[in-house]
Amino acid sequence: MHLPRSTAVALAAIAMTGPLLSTAAPAAAQSVSAWNCTSLSGSSESTEDKGGRDVWAECHKGSEWVRAYFRAYDEELELEDHHGSDSNSVVAYLTVAGSGTARFAGAGDRDLSYDEGKAVSVRVCTSSSSTKVCHTEHGGKT
């Protein structure tokens, strides 16, 4: 079969770019899934607050990371943001049994006050955008 030169060139271009186009979508999806939000998150007994448990949630991708850390002693929430160029994009949600959920945005320490012996969970997000990556960790105690 003999095709005009312009048609043959167009078909060759499609044949060469087809595999590239088919890998574009998975590569975009991979950028979100490349975040690891479980291996460094956790909770542990507070070394300074008898009966209290610290809890932290962290997400990292390469050298970028965000973390929300609730310390039972002094009931302090620390937000760290090493993601992108805006160090204040981190968002955290702190849930304390009987007190509800509070939202915090931007890096820094927050001094808080809650009744003792309450269950605590913390959720950290890379930002407040629709493409954010979030992780929730349970197991804290005031």
N, C-alpha and C. Protein backbone atom coordinates (compact mmCIF):
# COMPACT_ATOMS: atom_id res chain seq x y z
N MET A 1 0.85 -1.17 0.00
CA MET A 1 0.00 0.00 0.00
C MET A 1 0.89 1.23 0.00
N HIS A 2 0.56 2.19 -0.84
CA HIS A 2 1.36 3.39 -0.98
C HIS A 2 0.56 4.57 -0.42
N LEU A 3 1.12 5.24 0.61
CA LEU A 3 0.47 6.40 1.22
C LEU A 3 1.19 7.66 0.80
N PRO A 4 0.45 8.76 0.71
CA PRO A 4 1.12 10.03 0.45
C PRO A 4 2.14 10.30 1.56
N ARG A 5 3.22 10.99 1.21
CA ARG A 5 4.30 11.23 2.17
C ARG A 5 3.78 11.90 3.44
N SER A 6 2.91 12.89 3.36
CA SER A 6 2.41 13.60 4.54
C SER A 6 1.64 12.65 5.46
N THR A 7 0.88 11.73 4.90
CA THR A 7 0.14 10.76 5.71
C THR A 7 1.10 9.80 6.40
N ALA A 8 2.12 9.36 5.68
CA ALA A 8 3.11 8.44 6.25
C ALA A 8 3.86 9.11 7.40
N VAL A 9 4.21 10.39 7.24
CA VAL A 9 4.91 11.12 8.30
C VAL A 9 4.00 11.28 9.52
N ALA A 10 2.73 11.58 9.29
CA ALA A 10 1.78 11.74 10.39
C ALA A 10 1.61 10.43 11.15
N LEU A 11 1.48 9.33 10.44
CA LEU A 11 1.33 8.02 11.09
C LEU A 11 2.59 7.65 11.88
N ALA A 12 3.74 7.97 11.34
CA ALA A 12 4.99 7.69 12.05
C ALA A 12 5.07 8.51 13.33
N ALA A 13 4.64 9.77 13.27
CA ALA A 13 4.67 10.63 14.46
C ALA A 13 3.73 10.09 15.54
N ILE A 14 2.55 9.64 15.14
CA ILE A 14 1.59 9.06 16.09
C ILE A 14 2.16 7.79 16.70
N ALA A 15 2.77 6.96 15.89
CA ALA A 15 3.35 5.71 16.38
C ALA A 15 4.45 5.97 17.40
N MET A 16 5.23 7.03 17.19
CA MET A 16 6.34 7.32 18.11
C MET A 16 5.87 8.01 19.38
N THR A 17 4.83 8.85 19.32
CA THR A 17 4.38 9.57 20.51
C THR A 17 3.32 8.82 21.28
N GLY A 18 2.70 7.84 20.68
CA GLY A 18 1.67 7.06 21.37
C GLY A 18 2.14 6.50 22.70
N PRO A 19 3.28 5.81 22.74
CA PRO A 19 3.77 5.29 24.03
C PRO A 19 4.05 6.39 25.05
N LEU A 20 4.50 7.55 24.58
CA LEU A 20 4.75 8.65 25.51
C LEU A 20 3.45 9.16 26.11
N LEU A 21 2.42 9.28 25.29
CA LEU A 21 1.13 9.75 25.77
C LEU A 21 0.52 8.76 26.75
N SER A 22 0.71 7.49 26.52
CA SER A 22 0.10 6.50 27.40
C SER A 22 0.77 6.48 28.77
N THR A 23 1.99 6.99 28.90
CA THR A 23 2.65 7.01 30.21
C THR A 23 2.47 8.33 30.93
N ALA A 24 1.91 9.34 30.29
CA ALA A 24 1.77 10.64 30.93
C ALA A 24 0.83 10.59 32.12
N ALA A 25 -0.31 9.96 32.01
CA ALA A 25 -1.27 9.91 33.11
C ALA A 25 -0.72 9.18 34.33
N PRO A 26 -0.13 8.00 34.18
CA PRO A 26 0.42 7.34 35.37
C PRO A 26 1.52 8.15 36.04
N ALA A 27 2.32 8.88 35.28
CA ALA A 27 3.38 9.68 35.89
C ALA A 27 2.77 10.77 36.76
N ALA A 28 1.68 11.39 36.31
CA ALA A 28 1.03 12.42 37.11
C ALA A 28 0.45 11.81 38.37
N ALA A 29 -0.16 10.66 38.26
CA ALA A 29 -0.72 9.99 39.44
C ALA A 29 0.37 9.59 40.41
N GLN A 30 1.53 9.25 39.90
CA GLN A 30 2.63 8.81 40.75
C GLN A 30 3.12 9.93 41.66
N SER A 31 3.01 11.20 41.23
CA SER A 31 3.51 12.28 42.06
C SER A 31 2.77 12.36 43.39
N VAL A 32 1.46 12.09 43.39
CA VAL A 32 0.70 12.07 44.63
C VAL A 32 1.04 10.83 45.44
N SER A 33 1.10 9.68 44.79
CA SER A 33 1.35 8.45 45.51
C SER A 33 2.80 8.35 45.98
N ALA A 34 3.68 9.21 45.50
CA ALA A 34 5.07 9.17 45.93
C ALA A 34 5.23 9.65 47.37
N TRP A 35 4.21 10.29 47.94
CA TRP A 35 4.25 10.71 49.33
C TRP A 35 4.15 9.48 50.23
N ASN A 36 5.01 9.41 51.23
CA ASN A 36 4.96 8.34 52.23
C ASN A 36 4.46 8.97 53.52
N CYS A 37 3.31 8.53 53.97
CA CYS A 37 2.71 9.14 55.15
C CYS A 37 2.57 8.17 56.32
N THR A 38 3.15 7.01 56.23
CA THR A 38 2.94 6.05 57.31
C THR A 38 4.20 5.67 58.06
N SER A 39 5.33 5.56 57.41
CA SER A 39 6.51 4.98 58.05
C SER A 39 7.06 5.82 59.19
N LEU A 40 6.85 7.12 59.19
CA LEU A 40 7.40 7.96 60.25
C LEU A 40 6.34 8.52 61.19
N SER A 41 5.09 8.13 61.02
CA SER A 41 4.01 8.58 61.90
C SER A 41 3.87 7.59 63.05
N GLY A 42 3.28 8.04 64.15
CA GLY A 42 3.08 7.11 65.26
C GLY A 42 2.67 7.80 66.54
N SER A 43 2.75 7.04 67.62
CA SER A 43 2.46 7.57 68.95
C SER A 43 3.33 6.82 69.95
N SER A 44 3.57 7.46 71.08
CA SER A 44 4.37 6.82 72.12
C SER A 44 4.05 7.46 73.47
N GLU A 45 4.37 6.73 74.53
CA GLU A 45 4.17 7.29 75.86
C GLU A 45 5.00 8.55 76.01
N SER A 46 4.40 9.54 76.63
CA SER A 46 5.13 10.78 76.89
C SER A 46 6.16 10.53 77.98
N THR A 47 7.36 11.01 77.77
CA THR A 47 8.40 10.83 78.78
C THR A 47 8.25 11.82 79.93
N GLU A 48 7.43 12.87 79.73
CA GLU A 48 7.31 13.92 80.75
C GLU A 48 5.90 14.07 81.31
N ASP A 49 4.91 13.40 80.73
CA ASP A 49 3.52 13.52 81.17
C ASP A 49 3.00 12.13 81.51
N LYS A 50 2.98 11.79 82.80
CA LYS A 50 2.55 10.45 83.22
C LYS A 50 1.13 10.18 82.74
N GLY A 51 0.98 9.10 81.98
CA GLY A 51 -0.33 8.74 81.43
C GLY A 51 -0.63 9.37 80.09
N GLY A 52 0.16 10.36 79.69
CA GLY A 52 -0.05 11.02 78.41
C GLY A 52 0.65 10.27 77.28
N ARG A 53 0.15 10.46 76.07
CA ARG A 53 0.78 9.86 74.89
C ARG A 53 0.93 10.92 73.81
N ASP A 54 2.15 11.05 73.31
CA ASP A 54 2.42 11.93 72.17
C ASP A 54 1.93 11.24 70.90
N VAL A 55 1.51 12.02 69.92
CA VAL A 55 1.08 11.46 68.63
C VAL A 55 1.53 12.41 67.52
N TRP A 56 1.99 11.84 66.41
CA TRP A 56 2.45 12.67 65.30
C TRP A 56 2.09 12.02 63.97
N ALA A 57 1.82 12.88 63.01
CA ALA A 57 1.53 12.44 61.64
C ALA A 57 2.51 13.17 60.73
N GLU A 58 3.12 12.43 59.84
CA GLU A 58 4.14 13.00 58.96
C GLU A 58 3.99 12.43 57.55
N CYS A 59 4.17 13.29 56.57
CA CYS A 59 4.20 12.86 55.17
C CYS A 59 5.50 13.39 54.56
N HIS A 60 6.18 12.53 53.81
CA HIS A 60 7.40 12.97 53.17
C HIS A 60 7.53 12.41 51.77
N LYS A 61 8.22 13.18 50.94
CA LYS A 61 8.50 12.79 49.55
C LYS A 61 9.87 13.34 49.23
N GLY A 62 10.86 12.46 49.14
CA GLY A 62 12.22 12.93 48.92
C GLY A 62 12.68 13.79 50.08
N SER A 63 13.16 14.99 49.79
CA SER A 63 13.62 15.88 50.85
C SER A 63 12.52 16.81 51.36
N GLU A 64 11.31 16.68 50.85
CA GLU A 64 10.19 17.50 51.30
C GLU A 64 9.38 16.75 52.34
N TRP A 65 8.88 17.48 53.37
CA TRP A 65 8.04 16.82 54.36
C TRP A 65 7.24 17.84 55.15
N VAL A 66 6.12 17.35 55.70
CA VAL A 66 5.28 18.11 56.63
C VAL A 66 5.00 17.22 57.83
N ARG A 67 4.85 17.84 59.00
CA ARG A 67 4.58 17.05 60.21
C ARG A 67 3.74 17.86 61.18
N ALA A 68 2.81 17.17 61.83
CA ALA A 68 2.06 17.72 62.96
C ALA A 68 2.36 16.82 64.15
N TYR A 69 2.84 17.40 65.24
CA TYR A 69 3.30 16.64 66.41
C TYR A 69 2.60 17.19 67.65
N PHE A 70 1.75 16.35 68.28
CA PHE A 70 1.10 16.74 69.54
C PHE A 70 1.89 16.15 70.69
N ARG A 71 2.34 17.01 71.58
CA ARG A 71 3.07 16.58 72.78
C ARG A 71 2.14 16.67 73.98
N ALA A 72 1.95 15.54 74.66
CA ALA A 72 1.04 15.50 75.80
C ALA A 72 1.51 16.45 76.91
N TYR A 73 2.82 16.47 77.14
CA TYR A 73 3.36 17.37 78.15
C TYR A 73 3.24 18.80 77.63
N ASP A 74 2.64 19.66 78.38
CA ASP A 74 2.36 21.05 78.00
C ASP A 74 1.31 21.16 76.91
N GLU A 75 0.77 20.04 76.45
CA GLU A 75 -0.27 20.03 75.41
C GLU A 75 0.06 21.05 74.31
N GLU A 76 1.11 20.73 73.60
CA GLU A 76 1.62 21.60 72.55
C GLU A 76 1.48 20.91 71.19
N LEU A 77 1.08 21.66 70.18
CA LEU A 77 1.03 21.16 68.81
C LEU A 77 2.10 21.88 68.00
N GLU A 78 2.99 21.12 67.41
CA GLU A 78 4.05 21.68 66.58
C GLU A 78 3.80 21.31 65.12
N LEU A 79 3.76 22.30 64.25
CA LEU A 79 3.60 22.07 62.81
C LEU A 79 4.91 22.43 62.12
N GLU A 80 5.40 21.50 61.30
CA GLU A 80 6.62 21.73 60.53
C GLU A 80 6.28 21.59 59.05
N ASP A 81 6.86 22.47 58.25
CA ASP A 81 6.57 22.48 56.81
C ASP A 81 7.86 22.67 56.02
N HIS A 82 8.27 21.63 55.35
CA HIS A 82 9.44 21.68 54.48
C HIS A 82 9.02 21.18 53.09
N HIS A 83 7.88 21.70 52.63
CA HIS A 83 7.28 21.28 51.35
C HIS A 83 7.13 22.51 50.46
N GLY A 84 7.78 22.47 49.33
CA GLY A 84 7.65 23.57 48.37
C GLY A 84 8.29 24.85 48.88
N SER A 85 7.90 25.96 48.31
CA SER A 85 8.51 27.25 48.65
C SER A 85 7.77 27.99 49.75
N ASP A 86 6.58 27.55 50.12
CA ASP A 86 5.79 28.23 51.14
C ASP A 86 5.81 27.41 52.42
N SER A 87 6.53 27.88 53.42
CA SER A 87 6.63 27.12 54.67
C SER A 87 5.39 27.24 55.54
N ASN A 88 4.37 27.90 55.05
CA ASN A 88 3.13 28.03 55.81
C ASN A 88 1.96 27.35 55.13
N SER A 89 2.22 26.40 54.25
CA SER A 89 1.11 25.72 53.57
C SER A 89 0.60 24.53 54.36
N VAL A 90 1.35 24.04 55.35
CA VAL A 90 0.93 22.88 56.13
C VAL A 90 -0.38 23.19 56.87
N VAL A 91 -1.26 22.19 56.91
CA VAL A 91 -2.52 22.31 57.63
C VAL A 91 -2.65 21.08 58.52
N ALA A 92 -3.12 21.29 59.75
CA ALA A 92 -3.30 20.17 60.68
C ALA A 92 -4.66 20.27 61.34
N TYR A 93 -5.20 19.11 61.67
CA TYR A 93 -6.46 19.00 62.39
C TYR A 93 -6.19 18.19 63.64
N LEU A 94 -6.48 18.77 64.79
CA LEU A 94 -6.27 18.10 66.07
C LEU A 94 -7.64 17.77 66.65
N THR A 95 -7.88 16.49 66.90
CA THR A 95 -9.15 16.05 67.47
C THR A 95 -8.89 15.53 68.88
N VAL A 96 -9.61 16.12 69.84
CA VAL A 96 -9.51 15.71 71.24
C VAL A 96 -10.91 15.29 71.69
N ALA A 97 -11.00 14.07 72.23
CA ALA A 97 -12.31 13.54 72.66
C ALA A 97 -12.99 14.53 73.61
N GLY A 98 -14.25 14.81 73.32
CA GLY A 98 -15.03 15.72 74.15
C GLY A 98 -14.84 17.19 73.81
N SER A 99 -13.85 17.51 72.99
CA SER A 99 -13.59 18.91 72.64
C SER A 99 -13.76 19.20 71.15
N GLY A 100 -13.85 18.16 70.33
CA GLY A 100 -14.02 18.36 68.89
C GLY A 100 -12.70 18.47 68.15
N THR A 101 -12.77 19.04 66.96
CA THR A 101 -11.61 19.14 66.07
C THR A 101 -11.28 20.61 65.82
N ALA A 102 -10.00 20.94 65.97
CA ALA A 102 -9.53 22.30 65.69
C ALA A 102 -8.60 22.25 64.48
N ARG A 103 -8.67 23.29 63.64
CA ARG A 103 -7.83 23.39 62.44
C ARG A 103 -6.72 24.40 62.69
N PHE A 104 -5.51 24.06 62.27
CA PHE A 104 -4.35 24.94 62.41
C PHE A 104 -3.63 25.00 61.06
N ALA A 105 -3.17 26.18 60.69
CA ALA A 105 -2.46 26.34 59.41
C ALA A 105 -1.16 27.10 59.64
N GLY A 106 -0.12 26.68 58.94
CA GLY A 106 1.17 27.36 59.01
C GLY A 106 2.09 26.76 60.04
N ALA A 107 3.38 26.79 59.74
CA ALA A 107 4.39 26.22 60.63
C ALA A 107 4.46 26.99 61.94
N GLY A 108 4.84 26.28 63.01
CA GLY A 108 5.02 26.92 64.32
C GLY A 108 4.45 26.07 65.44
N ASP A 109 4.64 26.55 66.67
CA ASP A 109 4.15 25.86 67.87
C ASP A 109 2.89 26.53 68.38
N ARG A 110 1.97 25.72 68.88
CA ARG A 110 0.75 26.22 69.50
C ARG A 110 0.64 25.64 70.90
N ASP A 111 0.50 26.50 71.89
CA ASP A 111 0.28 26.05 73.26
C ASP A 111 -1.22 25.90 73.46
N LEU A 112 -1.63 24.71 73.89
CA LEU A 112 -3.04 24.38 74.01
C LEU A 112 -3.36 23.95 75.44
N SER A 113 -4.63 23.78 75.74
CA SER A 113 -5.03 23.32 77.06
C SER A 113 -6.28 22.45 76.94
N TYR A 114 -6.17 21.21 77.41
CA TYR A 114 -7.28 20.27 77.39
C TYR A 114 -7.33 19.52 78.72
N ASP A 115 -8.49 18.95 79.03
CA ASP A 115 -8.62 18.09 80.20
C ASP A 115 -7.71 16.89 80.03
N GLU A 116 -7.22 16.35 81.15
CA GLU A 116 -6.32 15.20 81.11
C GLU A 116 -7.07 13.91 80.77
N GLY A 117 -6.34 12.97 80.16
CA GLY A 117 -6.86 11.64 79.91
C GLY A 117 -7.76 11.50 78.69
N LYS A 118 -7.76 12.48 77.81
CA LYS A 118 -8.62 12.45 76.62
C LYS A 118 -7.85 11.89 75.41
N ALA A 119 -8.55 11.10 74.58
CA ALA A 119 -7.96 10.54 73.36
C ALA A 119 -7.68 11.67 72.37
N VAL A 120 -6.55 11.55 71.67
CA VAL A 120 -6.12 12.58 70.72
C VAL A 120 -5.74 11.92 69.39
N SER A 121 -6.16 12.56 68.29
CA SER A 121 -5.65 12.17 66.97
C SER A 121 -5.24 13.45 66.25
N VAL A 122 -4.32 13.30 65.32
CA VAL A 122 -3.83 14.44 64.56
C VAL A 122 -3.82 14.08 63.07
N ARG A 123 -4.22 15.04 62.25
CA ARG A 123 -4.22 14.87 60.79
C ARG A 123 -3.35 15.97 60.21
N VAL A 124 -2.41 15.61 59.35
CA VAL A 124 -1.56 16.60 58.70
C VAL A 124 -1.82 16.56 57.20
N CYS A 125 -1.82 17.74 56.57
CA CYS A 125 -2.02 17.86 55.12
C CYS A 125 -0.93 18.75 54.55
N THR A 126 -0.52 18.45 53.33
CA THR A 126 0.52 19.23 52.67
C THR A 126 0.07 20.66 52.36
N SER A 127 -1.24 20.87 52.28
CA SER A 127 -1.79 22.20 52.00
C SER A 127 -3.30 22.12 52.19
N SER A 128 -3.99 23.19 51.82
CA SER A 128 -5.45 23.18 51.85
C SER A 128 -6.03 23.05 50.44
N SER A 129 -5.19 22.82 49.44
CA SER A 129 -5.64 22.74 48.05
C SER A 129 -6.37 21.42 47.79
N SER A 130 -7.02 21.34 46.66
CA SER A 130 -7.75 20.13 46.30
C SER A 130 -6.81 18.97 45.97
N THR A 131 -5.53 19.24 45.76
CA THR A 131 -4.56 18.19 45.45
C THR A 131 -3.71 17.80 46.66
N LYS A 132 -4.13 18.23 47.83
CA LYS A 132 -3.34 17.97 49.04
C LYS A 132 -3.23 16.48 49.33
N VAL A 133 -2.20 16.13 50.08
CA VAL A 133 -2.00 14.78 50.58
C VAL A 133 -2.12 14.88 52.10
N CYS A 134 -2.92 14.00 52.71
CA CYS A 134 -3.16 14.05 54.15
C CYS A 134 -2.93 12.69 54.79
N HIS A 135 -2.67 12.72 56.08
CA HIS A 135 -2.55 11.48 56.86
C HIS A 135 -3.02 11.75 58.28
N THR A 136 -3.79 10.80 58.82
CA THR A 136 -4.29 10.89 60.19
C THR A 136 -3.64 9.81 61.04
N GLU A 137 -3.25 10.18 62.24
CA GLU A 137 -2.66 9.23 63.19
C GLU A 137 -3.42 9.33 64.51
N HIS A 138 -3.77 8.17 65.07
CA HIS A 138 -4.49 8.08 66.34
C HIS A 138 -3.53 7.57 67.42
N GLY A 139 -3.98 7.58 68.65
CA GLY A 139 -3.20 6.97 69.72
C GLY A 139 -2.64 7.94 70.73
N GLY A 140 -2.93 9.23 70.59
CA GLY A 140 -2.47 10.21 71.56
C GLY A 140 -3.40 10.28 72.75
N LYS A 141 -2.91 10.89 73.82
CA LYS A 141 -3.71 11.05 75.04
C LYS A 141 -3.21 12.27 75.80
N THR A 142 -4.15 13.14 76.18
CA THR A 142 -3.78 14.36 76.92
C THR A 142 -3.33 14.03 78.32
